[in-house]
Protein backbone atom coordinates (compact mmCIF):
# COMPACT_ATOMS: atom_id res chain seq x y z
CA MET A 1 -97.12 26.02 63.23
CA LYS A 2 -96.58 22.27 63.45
CA ILE A 3 -95.07 19.76 61.04
CA TYR A 4 -95.74 16.03 61.19
CA ALA A 5 -94.10 13.04 59.53
CA SER A 6 -94.78 9.31 59.39
CA LYS A 7 -92.88 6.57 57.60
CA LEU A 8 -94.55 3.50 56.17
CA THR A 9 -92.64 0.40 57.24
CA SER A 10 -93.23 -3.32 56.96
CA GLY A 11 -96.47 -4.70 58.34
CA ILE A 12 -99.00 -2.40 56.75
CA GLU A 13 -99.83 -5.06 54.17
CA GLY A 14 -101.68 -6.96 56.87
CA ILE A 15 -103.97 -4.06 57.80
CA ASP A 16 -107.70 -4.32 57.11
CA ILE A 17 -107.95 -1.84 54.25
CA ASP A 18 -111.75 -1.86 54.17
CA CYS A 19 -111.80 -0.78 57.83
CA LEU A 20 -109.57 2.16 56.99
CA TYR A 21 -111.71 3.12 54.00
CA SER A 22 -114.74 3.30 56.28
CA ARG A 23 -113.14 6.18 58.18
CA LEU A 24 -112.95 8.35 55.06
CA THR A 25 -115.58 10.24 53.12
CA LEU A 26 -117.20 8.41 50.22
CA GLU A 27 -115.55 10.82 47.79
CA ARG A 28 -112.07 10.03 49.11
CA GLN A 29 -112.80 6.31 49.12
CA ILE A 30 -113.69 6.47 45.43
CA GLN A 31 -110.57 8.49 44.60
CA ILE A 32 -108.17 6.22 46.48
CA ARG A 33 -109.71 2.99 45.15
CA LYS A 34 -108.74 4.12 41.65
CA PHE A 35 -105.05 3.61 42.44
CA VAL A 36 -103.57 0.48 40.92
CA ARG A 37 -100.44 0.15 43.05
CA LYS A 38 -100.90 -0.83 46.69
CA GLU A 39 -98.11 1.56 47.69
CA ASP A 40 -100.17 4.49 46.40
CA VAL A 41 -103.23 3.25 48.29
CA TYR A 42 -101.31 2.95 51.57
CA ARG A 43 -99.71 6.40 51.23
CA SER A 44 -103.01 8.08 50.40
CA LEU A 45 -104.83 6.34 53.26
CA LEU A 46 -102.14 7.33 55.74
CA ALA A 47 -102.15 10.92 54.44
CA ASP A 48 -105.91 11.23 54.95
CA LEU A 49 -105.84 9.64 58.39
CA MET A 50 -102.90 11.82 59.45
CA LEU A 51 -104.69 14.95 58.29
CA MET A 52 -107.87 14.11 60.17
CA GLN A 53 -105.98 13.31 63.35
CA ILE A 54 -103.78 16.42 63.42
CA ILE A 55 -106.83 18.58 62.75
CA ARG A 56 -108.68 16.91 65.61
CA GLU A 57 -105.68 17.40 67.89
CA ASN A 58 -105.49 21.10 67.16
CA LEU A 59 -109.17 22.06 67.03
CA PRO A 60 -111.36 22.10 70.14
CA ILE A 61 -114.47 20.96 68.26
CA PRO A 62 -116.07 17.55 67.60
CA HIS A 63 -114.73 15.86 64.49
CA GLN A 64 -118.29 15.55 63.20
CA LYS A 65 -118.28 19.33 62.69
CA ILE A 66 -115.13 19.29 60.59
CA SER A 67 -115.96 19.72 56.91
CA PHE A 68 -113.91 20.44 53.82
CA GLU A 69 -114.40 22.32 50.59
CA ALA A 70 -111.97 23.03 47.74
CA ASN A 71 -111.03 26.29 46.07
CA ALA A 72 -111.27 26.83 42.32
CA TYR A 73 -107.92 25.08 41.84
CA GLY A 74 -108.80 22.03 43.91
CA LYS A 75 -106.92 22.86 47.11
CA PRO A 76 -108.98 21.71 50.11
CA PHE A 77 -109.70 23.94 53.09
CA LEU A 78 -111.66 23.75 56.32
CA VAL A 79 -115.08 25.37 56.22
CA GLY A 80 -115.49 28.21 58.72
CA ILE A 81 -112.27 27.40 60.59
CA ASN A 82 -109.02 29.34 60.49
CA LEU A 83 -106.64 26.42 60.29
CA HIS A 84 -104.54 25.99 57.16
CA PHE A 85 -102.95 22.68 56.24
CA ASN A 86 -101.07 20.83 53.55
CA ILE A 87 -100.04 17.20 53.04
CA SER A 88 -97.35 15.59 50.89
CA HIS A 89 -96.13 12.04 50.38
CA SER A 90 -93.38 10.32 48.45
CA GLY A 91 -91.79 6.92 48.74
CA ALA A 92 -92.26 5.71 52.30
CA TRP A 93 -92.92 9.11 53.89
CA VAL A 94 -96.09 11.11 54.52
CA VAL A 95 -95.70 14.64 55.93
CA GLY A 96 -98.15 17.35 56.94
CA ILE A 97 -98.10 20.98 58.08
CA ILE A 98 -100.67 23.17 59.86
CA ASP A 99 -100.77 26.84 60.82
CA ASN A 100 -103.19 29.75 61.21
CA ALA A 101 -102.00 31.15 57.85
CA PRO A 102 -101.34 29.60 54.41
CA VAL A 103 -98.70 26.87 54.33
CA GLY A 104 -97.28 24.37 51.87
CA ILE A 105 -95.05 21.33 52.21
CA ASP A 106 -93.37 18.91 49.84
CA ILE A 107 -91.26 15.78 50.24
CA GLU A 108 -89.58 13.86 47.44
CA VAL A 109 -87.44 10.74 47.36
CA ILE A 110 -84.07 11.45 45.75
CA SER A 111 -84.12 9.31 42.62
CA PRO A 112 -82.12 9.23 39.37
CA MET A 113 -83.12 12.14 37.17
CA ASP A 114 -82.13 13.59 33.80
CA LEU A 115 -81.16 17.03 35.03
CA ASP A 116 -81.92 18.54 31.63
CA VAL A 117 -85.55 18.56 32.79
CA GLY A 118 -84.45 21.47 34.98
CA ARG A 119 -84.55 23.65 31.86
CA ILE A 120 -88.33 23.19 31.90
CA LEU A 121 -89.04 23.04 35.63
CA PHE A 122 -86.73 25.82 36.78
CA SER A 123 -86.13 29.44 35.91
CA PRO A 124 -82.93 30.21 33.96
CA VAL A 125 -81.13 31.42 37.10
CA GLU A 126 -82.18 28.32 39.05
CA TYR A 127 -80.94 26.04 36.29
CA SER A 128 -77.69 28.00 36.17
CA ASP A 129 -77.28 27.57 39.94
CA LEU A 130 -77.94 23.85 39.56
CA MET A 131 -75.35 23.32 36.85
CA ALA A 132 -72.81 25.42 38.77
CA LYS A 133 -72.75 22.72 41.46
CA ILE A 134 -70.13 19.99 41.24
CA GLU A 135 -71.59 16.96 39.49
CA ALA A 136 -71.78 14.90 42.69
CA ASP A 137 -74.04 17.52 44.33
CA ARG A 138 -76.39 18.28 41.47
CA LEU A 139 -79.00 15.59 42.03
CA ALA A 140 -79.53 16.47 45.70
CA TYR A 141 -79.66 20.17 44.84
CA PHE A 142 -82.23 19.45 42.11
CA PHE A 143 -84.59 17.98 44.70
CA GLU A 144 -83.89 20.79 47.15
CA LEU A 145 -85.04 23.30 44.53
CA TRP A 146 -87.94 21.13 43.42
CA THR A 147 -89.36 20.68 46.93
CA LEU A 148 -88.91 24.38 47.72
CA LYS A 149 -90.75 25.39 44.55
CA GLU A 150 -93.48 22.82 45.14
CA SER A 151 -93.97 23.97 48.74
CA TYR A 152 -94.50 27.52 47.46
CA ILE A 153 -96.93 26.43 44.74
CA LYS A 154 -98.87 24.37 47.28
CA MET A 155 -98.94 27.26 49.75
CA LEU A 156 -100.46 29.49 47.04
CA GLY A 157 -103.12 26.87 46.32
CA LYS A 158 -103.44 27.82 42.65
CA GLY A 159 -102.02 24.68 41.08
CA LEU A 160 -99.93 25.01 37.95
CA SER A 161 -101.63 28.27 37.01
CA LYS A 162 -98.46 29.74 38.49
CA PRO A 163 -95.68 29.01 35.94
CA LEU A 164 -92.71 27.30 37.55
CA ASP A 165 -90.26 29.58 35.75
CA SER A 166 -92.04 32.78 36.86
CA PHE A 167 -90.12 32.82 40.13
CA ALA A 168 -86.75 31.67 41.40
CA ILE A 169 -85.56 30.18 44.65
CA ARG A 170 -81.88 30.43 45.42
CA ILE A 171 -79.81 28.98 48.26
CA ASP A 172 -76.58 30.76 49.12
CA GLY A 173 -73.43 29.25 50.58
CA ASN A 174 -74.75 29.75 54.12
CA GLY A 175 -77.97 27.89 53.40
CA ILE A 176 -80.06 31.07 53.30
CA ILE A 177 -83.08 30.61 51.03
CA ARG A 178 -84.06 33.59 48.87
CA PHE A 179 -87.24 33.99 46.83
CA GLU A 180 -86.99 36.08 43.66
CA ALA A 181 -89.88 37.20 41.47
CA GLU A 182 -90.92 40.23 39.47
CA ASN A 183 -93.54 41.11 42.08
CA GLU A 184 -91.90 39.58 45.12
CA PRO A 185 -94.43 38.93 47.89
CA GLU A 186 -93.68 40.10 51.40
CA GLY A 187 -93.78 37.80 54.40
CA LEU A 188 -92.73 34.60 52.67
CA TYR A 189 -90.60 32.06 54.50
CA PHE A 190 -88.98 28.71 53.72
CA LYS A 191 -87.37 25.96 55.75
CA GLN A 192 -85.90 22.57 54.90
CA TYR A 193 -85.92 19.51 57.13
CA GLY A 194 -83.59 16.52 56.94
CA ILE A 195 -85.72 13.66 58.20
CA ASP A 196 -84.17 11.06 55.90
CA LYS A 197 -80.89 11.11 53.94
CA ASP A 198 -82.65 9.69 50.88
CA TYR A 199 -85.30 12.43 50.76
CA LYS A 200 -85.58 16.19 50.48
CA MET A 201 -88.34 18.02 52.36
CA SER A 202 -89.25 21.71 52.28
CA ALA A 203 -91.93 23.91 53.79
CA CYS A 204 -93.24 27.34 52.83
CA ALA A 205 -95.27 29.65 55.07
CA THR A 206 -96.48 33.19 55.46
CA ASN A 207 -95.48 33.05 59.13
CA LYS A 208 -91.85 32.64 60.13
CA GLY A 209 -92.51 30.53 63.21
CA PHE A 210 -91.24 27.23 61.82
CA PRO A 211 -90.76 24.53 64.44
CA GLU A 212 -87.20 23.36 64.96
CA ALA A 213 -88.25 19.73 65.00
CA VAL A 214 -90.77 17.61 63.13
CA ILE A 215 -93.34 15.62 65.10
CA GLU A 216 -92.53 12.11 63.92
CA ARG A 217 -94.88 9.22 64.63
CA THR A 218 -95.18 5.65 63.44
CA TRP A 219 -97.85 4.86 60.88
CA GLU A 220 -99.53 2.61 63.46
CA TYR A 221 -100.33 5.71 65.53
CA TYR A 222 -102.71 7.02 62.88
CA LEU A 223 -104.16 3.67 61.87
CA CYS A 224 -105.07 2.76 65.43
CA ILE A 225 -107.10 5.90 66.13
CA SER A 226 -110.84 5.50 65.70
């Protein structure tokens, strides 16, 4: 299992966007061109370029033979290749994860939030855990829970067909993450990474071999690869 991260910094505005588009499939070009905000365009371009590069680095086959399809819920997968992946981006960061078994990853910028939304997004026990925190810690804990739940949903690859309140994720005083559900799956693992004090990032996997460190590269690394 490997986890990658790249932060968008100043200078990307001067990049030849059309050149970057040409390295993507026509379908992805059409999807990304629909974004109105340039920030969304840059993040999506970097996410696609990062994905292609880390796949090429970890597969001993020509990139021309790499092809994607999507499951019934829209989650992409590699055709005929046992390499699972997931990508997430928020704010200035783009992160990705790969493994030989299902994986999910989520990163979110910590931003002001009406915590009452937790009544909708979280299970009753999760919301209770959230409100039990001292007020100064609640916002950070909200995004810890949110990224953990999102990483699980993304690992499943079934979109929002899995109700967010149908399972609970709890973090004890020692930082141990527990998954609770009526039919609790076996072999489910979580890990959080602190790559930026203003963000929360979580990964979910069906293997427990999480790397201790994230492979962090500049955005120029991915944009300069042909």
